């Protein structure tokens, strides 16, 4: 079910850009991202990533769960970002995309640039 949700997010990318606040003309690349492991670099898989012409990477963690998302999601995304070989002078903005809510402790930490309830899009 999680992979189907990731596909749903990708297929609604224009709405997602609007929810994040990225004008379409600023986007250089978007979609799932996979970095192969190498001798000096760990591999990683990003559910959805947007690169803008202003050297910003929006690294999106897409979570589908019947329960509210726990703070563990922060650790998981931190590990992915640490492994990600981003070009120099790029800023990384973490984004959480979910349905069925997040625990208050996730929001209280202020880690994510945006927390998007994709259920709002599905309901509307």
N, C-alpha and C. Protein backbone atom coordinates (compact mmCIF):
# COMPACT_ATOMS: atom_id res chain seq x y z
N UNK A 1 0.82 -1.20 0.00
CA UNK A 1 0.00 0.00 0.00
C UNK A 1 0.86 1.26 0.00
N UNK A 2 2.02 1.20 0.65
CA UNK A 2 2.91 2.35 0.71
C UNK A 2 3.41 2.76 -0.66
N UNK A 3 3.78 1.78 -1.50
CA UNK A 3 4.26 2.08 -2.85
C UNK A 3 3.15 2.70 -3.69
N UNK A 4 1.93 2.21 -3.53
CA UNK A 4 0.80 2.80 -4.26
C UNK A 4 0.59 4.26 -3.84
N UNK A 5 0.77 4.53 -2.55
CA UNK A 5 0.62 5.91 -2.07
C UNK A 5 1.72 6.80 -2.65
N UNK A 6 2.96 6.28 -2.71
CA UNK A 6 4.06 7.04 -3.31
C UNK A 6 3.74 7.36 -4.77
N UNK A 7 3.17 6.40 -5.50
CA UNK A 7 2.78 6.63 -6.90
C UNK A 7 1.69 7.69 -6.99
N UNK A 8 0.75 7.66 -6.08
CA UNK A 8 -0.33 8.65 -6.06
C UNK A 8 0.25 10.05 -5.84
N UNK A 9 1.21 10.16 -4.95
CA UNK A 9 1.87 11.44 -4.69
C UNK A 9 2.58 11.92 -5.95
N UNK A 10 3.34 11.04 -6.61
CA UNK A 10 4.07 11.41 -7.83
C UNK A 10 3.13 11.85 -8.94
N UNK A 11 1.99 11.18 -9.06
CA UNK A 11 1.04 11.52 -10.12
C UNK A 11 0.29 12.83 -9.86
N UNK A 12 0.37 13.32 -8.64
CA UNK A 12 -0.26 14.60 -8.28
C UNK A 12 0.81 15.64 -7.96
N UNK A 13 1.90 15.59 -8.69
CA UNK A 13 3.07 16.44 -8.39
C UNK A 13 2.76 17.93 -8.46
N UNK A 14 1.95 18.36 -9.41
CA UNK A 14 1.69 19.80 -9.53
C UNK A 14 0.95 20.33 -8.30
N UNK A 15 0.03 19.53 -7.79
CA UNK A 15 -0.68 19.92 -6.57
C UNK A 15 0.29 19.92 -5.39
N UNK A 16 1.17 18.93 -5.37
CA UNK A 16 2.17 18.85 -4.30
C UNK A 16 3.10 20.06 -4.31
N UNK A 17 3.54 20.46 -5.50
CA UNK A 17 4.41 21.64 -5.59
C UNK A 17 3.71 22.85 -4.98
N UNK A 18 2.43 22.97 -5.28
CA UNK A 18 1.65 24.09 -4.76
C UNK A 18 1.56 24.01 -3.22
N UNK A 19 1.34 22.81 -2.70
CA UNK A 19 1.23 22.61 -1.25
C UNK A 19 2.56 22.93 -0.55
N UNK A 20 3.68 22.62 -1.21
CA UNK A 20 5.00 22.91 -0.64
C UNK A 20 5.32 24.39 -0.79
N UNK A 21 4.82 24.99 -1.88
CA UNK A 21 5.08 26.40 -2.15
C UNK A 21 6.20 26.62 -3.16
N UNK A 22 6.32 25.70 -4.13
CA UNK A 22 7.36 25.82 -5.15
C UNK A 22 6.71 26.19 -6.48
N UNK A 23 7.05 27.34 -7.04
CA UNK A 23 6.53 27.68 -8.37
C UNK A 23 7.08 26.69 -9.42
N UNK A 24 6.24 26.19 -10.33
CA UNK A 24 6.69 25.21 -11.33
C UNK A 24 7.88 25.67 -12.17
N UNK A 25 7.98 26.96 -12.45
CA UNK A 25 9.08 27.45 -13.28
C UNK A 25 10.44 27.37 -12.58
N UNK A 26 10.45 27.13 -11.27
CA UNK A 26 11.71 27.00 -10.53
C UNK A 26 12.22 25.57 -10.47
N UNK A 27 11.41 24.61 -10.89
CA UNK A 27 11.78 23.19 -10.75
C UNK A 27 12.69 22.73 -11.88
N UNK A 28 13.80 22.14 -11.48
CA UNK A 28 14.77 21.59 -12.42
C UNK A 28 14.51 20.10 -12.61
N UNK A 29 14.21 19.40 -11.52
CA UNK A 29 14.02 17.96 -11.53
C UNK A 29 13.09 17.59 -10.38
N UNK A 30 12.27 16.56 -10.60
CA UNK A 30 11.47 16.02 -9.49
C UNK A 30 11.18 14.56 -9.74
N UNK A 31 10.90 13.85 -8.66
CA UNK A 31 10.55 12.44 -8.75
C UNK A 31 11.27 11.63 -7.69
N UNK A 32 11.04 10.32 -7.68
CA UNK A 32 11.79 9.45 -6.77
C UNK A 32 13.27 9.52 -7.12
N UNK A 33 14.12 9.31 -6.12
CA UNK A 33 15.56 9.39 -6.35
C UNK A 33 16.24 8.19 -5.71
N UNK A 34 17.15 7.57 -6.46
CA UNK A 34 17.91 6.45 -5.94
C UNK A 34 19.39 6.71 -6.18
N UNK A 35 20.18 6.59 -5.13
CA UNK A 35 21.62 6.78 -5.21
C UNK A 35 22.28 5.42 -4.97
N UNK A 36 22.98 4.93 -5.97
CA UNK A 36 23.66 3.63 -5.85
C UNK A 36 24.84 3.74 -4.89
N UNK A 37 25.08 2.69 -4.11
CA UNK A 37 26.24 2.71 -3.22
C UNK A 37 27.53 2.63 -4.05
N UNK A 38 28.57 3.26 -3.56
CA UNK A 38 29.89 3.22 -4.18
C UNK A 38 30.93 3.05 -3.07
N UNK A 39 32.17 3.01 -3.45
CA UNK A 39 33.24 2.78 -2.48
C UNK A 39 33.22 3.82 -1.37
N UNK A 40 33.09 5.10 -1.73
CA UNK A 40 33.14 6.18 -0.73
C UNK A 40 31.79 6.81 -0.45
N UNK A 41 30.73 6.16 -0.88
CA UNK A 41 29.41 6.78 -0.74
C UNK A 41 28.36 5.70 -0.48
N UNK A 42 27.56 5.94 0.52
CA UNK A 42 26.48 5.00 0.84
C UNK A 42 25.33 5.21 -0.14
N UNK A 43 24.55 4.18 -0.32
CA UNK A 43 23.37 4.29 -1.16
C UNK A 43 22.21 4.84 -0.35
N UNK A 44 21.23 5.40 -1.05
CA UNK A 44 20.02 5.83 -0.38
C UNK A 44 18.88 5.95 -1.39
N UNK A 45 17.68 5.89 -0.88
CA UNK A 45 16.49 5.98 -1.71
C UNK A 45 15.60 7.06 -1.10
N UNK A 46 15.25 8.06 -1.92
CA UNK A 46 14.39 9.14 -1.48
C UNK A 46 13.04 8.95 -2.16
N UNK A 47 11.97 8.95 -1.37
CA UNK A 47 10.64 8.70 -1.91
C UNK A 47 10.27 9.69 -3.01
N UNK A 48 10.55 10.96 -2.77
CA UNK A 48 10.24 12.01 -3.75
C UNK A 48 11.15 13.19 -3.45
N UNK A 49 11.76 13.73 -4.50
CA UNK A 49 12.68 14.85 -4.30
C UNK A 49 12.44 15.89 -5.40
N UNK A 50 12.55 17.16 -5.02
CA UNK A 50 12.41 18.27 -5.96
C UNK A 50 13.68 19.10 -5.87
N UNK A 51 14.29 19.37 -7.04
CA UNK A 51 15.44 20.25 -7.11
C UNK A 51 15.00 21.53 -7.80
N UNK A 52 15.33 22.67 -7.19
CA UNK A 52 14.98 23.95 -7.80
C UNK A 52 16.21 24.62 -8.40
N UNK A 53 15.96 25.60 -9.23
CA UNK A 53 17.06 26.32 -9.87
C UNK A 53 17.81 27.20 -8.88
N UNK A 54 17.30 27.34 -7.67
CA UNK A 54 17.96 28.12 -6.64
C UNK A 54 18.73 27.23 -5.66
N UNK A 55 19.16 26.06 -6.15
CA UNK A 55 20.00 25.13 -5.38
C UNK A 55 19.36 24.66 -4.08
N UNK A 56 18.10 24.33 -4.17
CA UNK A 56 17.39 23.77 -3.02
C UNK A 56 16.90 22.37 -3.38
N UNK A 57 17.09 21.44 -2.47
CA UNK A 57 16.55 20.10 -2.61
C UNK A 57 15.47 19.90 -1.55
N UNK A 58 14.27 19.62 -1.99
CA UNK A 58 13.18 19.26 -1.09
C UNK A 58 13.18 17.74 -1.02
N UNK A 59 13.62 17.21 0.09
CA UNK A 59 13.70 15.76 0.28
C UNK A 59 12.43 15.33 1.00
N UNK A 60 11.57 14.62 0.29
CA UNK A 60 10.25 14.27 0.81
C UNK A 60 10.18 12.82 1.26
N UNK A 61 9.74 12.65 2.47
CA UNK A 61 9.46 11.31 3.01
C UNK A 61 7.96 11.11 2.90
N UNK A 62 7.58 10.06 2.18
CA UNK A 62 6.18 9.76 1.95
C UNK A 62 5.80 8.59 2.86
N UNK A 63 4.86 8.83 3.77
CA UNK A 63 4.46 7.81 4.74
C UNK A 63 2.97 7.52 4.66
N UNK A 64 2.66 6.25 4.47
CA UNK A 64 1.29 5.79 4.52
C UNK A 64 1.18 4.86 5.72
N UNK A 65 0.34 5.20 6.67
CA UNK A 65 0.20 4.39 7.87
C UNK A 65 -1.22 4.53 8.40
N UNK A 66 -1.72 3.45 8.97
CA UNK A 66 -3.05 3.53 9.57
C UNK A 66 -3.00 4.25 10.92
N UNK A 67 -1.80 4.37 11.48
CA UNK A 67 -1.60 5.07 12.76
C UNK A 67 -0.87 6.38 12.52
N UNK A 68 -0.99 7.34 13.43
CA UNK A 68 -0.23 8.59 13.30
C UNK A 68 1.28 8.31 13.21
N UNK A 69 1.98 9.11 12.44
CA UNK A 69 3.41 8.94 12.23
C UNK A 69 4.17 9.34 13.50
N UNK A 70 5.12 8.49 13.90
CA UNK A 70 5.89 8.71 15.13
C UNK A 70 7.16 9.50 14.83
N UNK A 71 7.84 9.99 15.89
CA UNK A 71 9.09 10.74 15.70
C UNK A 71 10.20 9.93 15.03
N UNK A 72 10.05 8.65 14.94
CA UNK A 72 11.05 7.80 14.27
C UNK A 72 11.26 8.26 12.82
N UNK A 73 10.25 8.86 12.22
CA UNK A 73 10.35 9.33 10.84
C UNK A 73 11.48 10.36 10.69
N UNK A 74 11.73 11.12 11.73
CA UNK A 74 12.81 12.12 11.70
C UNK A 74 14.16 11.43 11.61
N UNK A 75 14.36 10.40 12.42
CA UNK A 75 15.62 9.64 12.38
C UNK A 75 15.82 9.00 11.01
N UNK A 76 14.76 8.45 10.45
CA UNK A 76 14.85 7.79 9.14
C UNK A 76 15.25 8.79 8.06
N UNK A 77 14.64 9.96 8.06
CA UNK A 77 14.96 10.95 7.04
C UNK A 77 16.34 11.55 7.26
N UNK A 78 16.72 11.76 8.50
CA UNK A 78 18.07 12.26 8.80
C UNK A 78 19.13 11.31 8.23
N UNK A 79 18.90 10.01 8.38
CA UNK A 79 19.85 9.02 7.85
C UNK A 79 19.92 9.11 6.33
N UNK A 80 18.79 9.24 5.67
CA UNK A 80 18.79 9.38 4.20
C UNK A 80 19.54 10.63 3.77
N UNK A 81 19.29 11.74 4.46
CA UNK A 81 19.95 13.00 4.11
C UNK A 81 21.46 12.91 4.33
N UNK A 82 21.86 12.23 5.40
CA UNK A 82 23.28 12.06 5.68
C UNK A 82 23.96 11.26 4.57
N UNK A 83 23.26 10.27 4.03
CA UNK A 83 23.82 9.42 2.96
C UNK A 83 23.78 10.11 1.59
N UNK A 84 22.89 11.04 1.42
CA UNK A 84 22.68 11.70 0.14
C UNK A 84 23.90 12.55 -0.25
N UNK A 85 24.39 12.32 -1.44
CA UNK A 85 25.52 13.12 -1.92
C UNK A 85 24.95 14.31 -2.69
N UNK A 86 24.70 15.37 -1.97
CA UNK A 86 24.13 16.58 -2.57
C UNK A 86 25.26 17.45 -3.11
N UNK A 87 25.00 18.15 -4.21
CA UNK A 87 26.03 19.07 -4.73
C UNK A 87 26.36 20.15 -3.69
N UNK A 88 27.56 20.69 -3.79
CA UNK A 88 27.97 21.77 -2.88
C UNK A 88 27.06 22.97 -3.03
N UNK A 89 26.88 23.68 -1.95
CA UNK A 89 26.07 24.91 -1.87
C UNK A 89 24.58 24.68 -2.12
N UNK A 90 24.12 23.47 -1.90
CA UNK A 90 22.69 23.18 -1.98
C UNK A 90 22.12 23.15 -0.57
N UNK A 91 20.94 23.71 -0.39
CA UNK A 91 20.26 23.58 0.89
C UNK A 91 19.27 22.42 0.77
N UNK A 92 19.07 21.74 1.88
CA UNK A 92 18.16 20.60 1.91
C UNK A 92 17.01 20.93 2.84
N UNK A 93 15.80 20.79 2.32
CA UNK A 93 14.60 21.09 3.10
C UNK A 93 13.79 19.81 3.23
N UNK A 94 13.69 19.27 4.43
CA UNK A 94 12.92 18.03 4.63
C UNK A 94 11.41 18.29 4.63
N UNK A 95 10.69 17.40 3.97
CA UNK A 95 9.24 17.50 3.85
C UNK A 95 8.65 16.14 4.21
N UNK A 96 7.58 16.15 4.99
CA UNK A 96 6.85 14.92 5.32
C UNK A 96 5.48 14.97 4.64
N UNK A 97 5.19 13.92 3.87
CA UNK A 97 3.90 13.78 3.21
C UNK A 97 3.25 12.54 3.80
N UNK A 98 2.02 12.69 4.31
CA UNK A 98 1.39 11.59 5.04
C UNK A 98 -0.12 11.60 4.85
N UNK A 99 -0.74 10.53 5.32
CA UNK A 99 -2.18 10.48 5.53
C UNK A 99 -2.38 9.91 6.93
N UNK A 100 -3.48 10.18 7.53
CA UNK A 100 -3.83 9.66 8.86
C UNK A 100 -3.07 10.29 10.02
N UNK A 101 -2.45 11.45 9.81
CA UNK A 101 -1.92 12.22 10.92
C UNK A 101 -0.51 11.90 11.36
N UNK A 102 0.02 12.82 12.17
CA UNK A 102 1.34 12.66 12.79
C UNK A 102 1.18 12.92 14.28
N UNK A 103 2.04 12.30 15.07
CA UNK A 103 2.03 12.55 16.51
C UNK A 103 2.46 14.00 16.76
N UNK A 104 1.90 14.61 17.80
CA UNK A 104 2.24 16.00 18.13
C UNK A 104 3.74 16.18 18.33
N UNK A 105 4.41 15.15 18.88
CA UNK A 105 5.84 15.27 19.15
C UNK A 105 6.65 15.45 17.86
N UNK A 106 6.15 14.96 16.73
CA UNK A 106 6.82 15.17 15.44
C UNK A 106 6.75 16.64 15.07
N UNK A 107 5.58 17.22 15.19
CA UNK A 107 5.40 18.64 14.86
C UNK A 107 6.15 19.54 15.84
N UNK A 108 6.15 19.15 17.13
CA UNK A 108 6.79 19.96 18.17
C UNK A 108 8.29 20.12 17.94
N UNK A 109 8.93 19.14 17.28
CA UNK A 109 10.37 19.21 17.05
C UNK A 109 10.74 20.23 15.98
N UNK A 110 9.79 20.62 15.14
CA UNK A 110 10.05 21.63 14.12
C UNK A 110 11.08 21.23 13.10
N UNK A 111 11.26 19.94 12.88
CA UNK A 111 12.29 19.44 11.96
C UNK A 111 11.92 19.67 10.49
N UNK A 112 10.67 19.44 10.15
CA UNK A 112 10.25 19.48 8.75
C UNK A 112 9.94 20.90 8.29
N UNK A 113 10.38 21.20 7.07
CA UNK A 113 10.05 22.47 6.45
C UNK A 113 8.55 22.53 6.20
N UNK A 114 7.99 21.44 5.74
CA UNK A 114 6.55 21.32 5.51
C UNK A 114 6.10 19.94 5.96
N UNK A 115 4.91 19.89 6.54
CA UNK A 115 4.25 18.62 6.85
C UNK A 115 2.92 18.68 6.10
N UNK A 116 2.79 17.81 5.12
CA UNK A 116 1.63 17.85 4.23
C UNK A 116 0.74 16.64 4.46
N UNK A 117 -0.51 16.93 4.80
CA UNK A 117 -1.52 15.88 4.95
C UNK A 117 -2.13 15.66 3.56
N UNK A 118 -1.69 14.61 2.90
CA UNK A 118 -2.16 14.34 1.54
C UNK A 118 -3.64 13.96 1.54
N UNK A 119 -4.15 13.58 2.69
CA UNK A 119 -5.59 13.28 2.82
C UNK A 119 -6.44 14.48 2.50
N UNK A 120 -5.92 15.69 2.74
CA UNK A 120 -6.67 16.92 2.40
C UNK A 120 -6.89 17.00 0.90
N UNK A 121 -5.90 16.60 0.13
CA UNK A 121 -6.03 16.61 -1.32
C UNK A 121 -7.03 15.55 -1.77
N UNK A 122 -6.96 14.38 -1.16
CA UNK A 122 -7.86 13.29 -1.53
C UNK A 122 -9.30 13.58 -1.17
N UNK A 123 -9.50 14.30 -0.06
CA UNK A 123 -10.86 14.63 0.39
C UNK A 123 -11.48 15.75 -0.44
N UNK A 124 -10.61 16.66 -0.94
CA UNK A 124 -11.11 17.82 -1.66
C UNK A 124 -11.13 17.58 -3.11
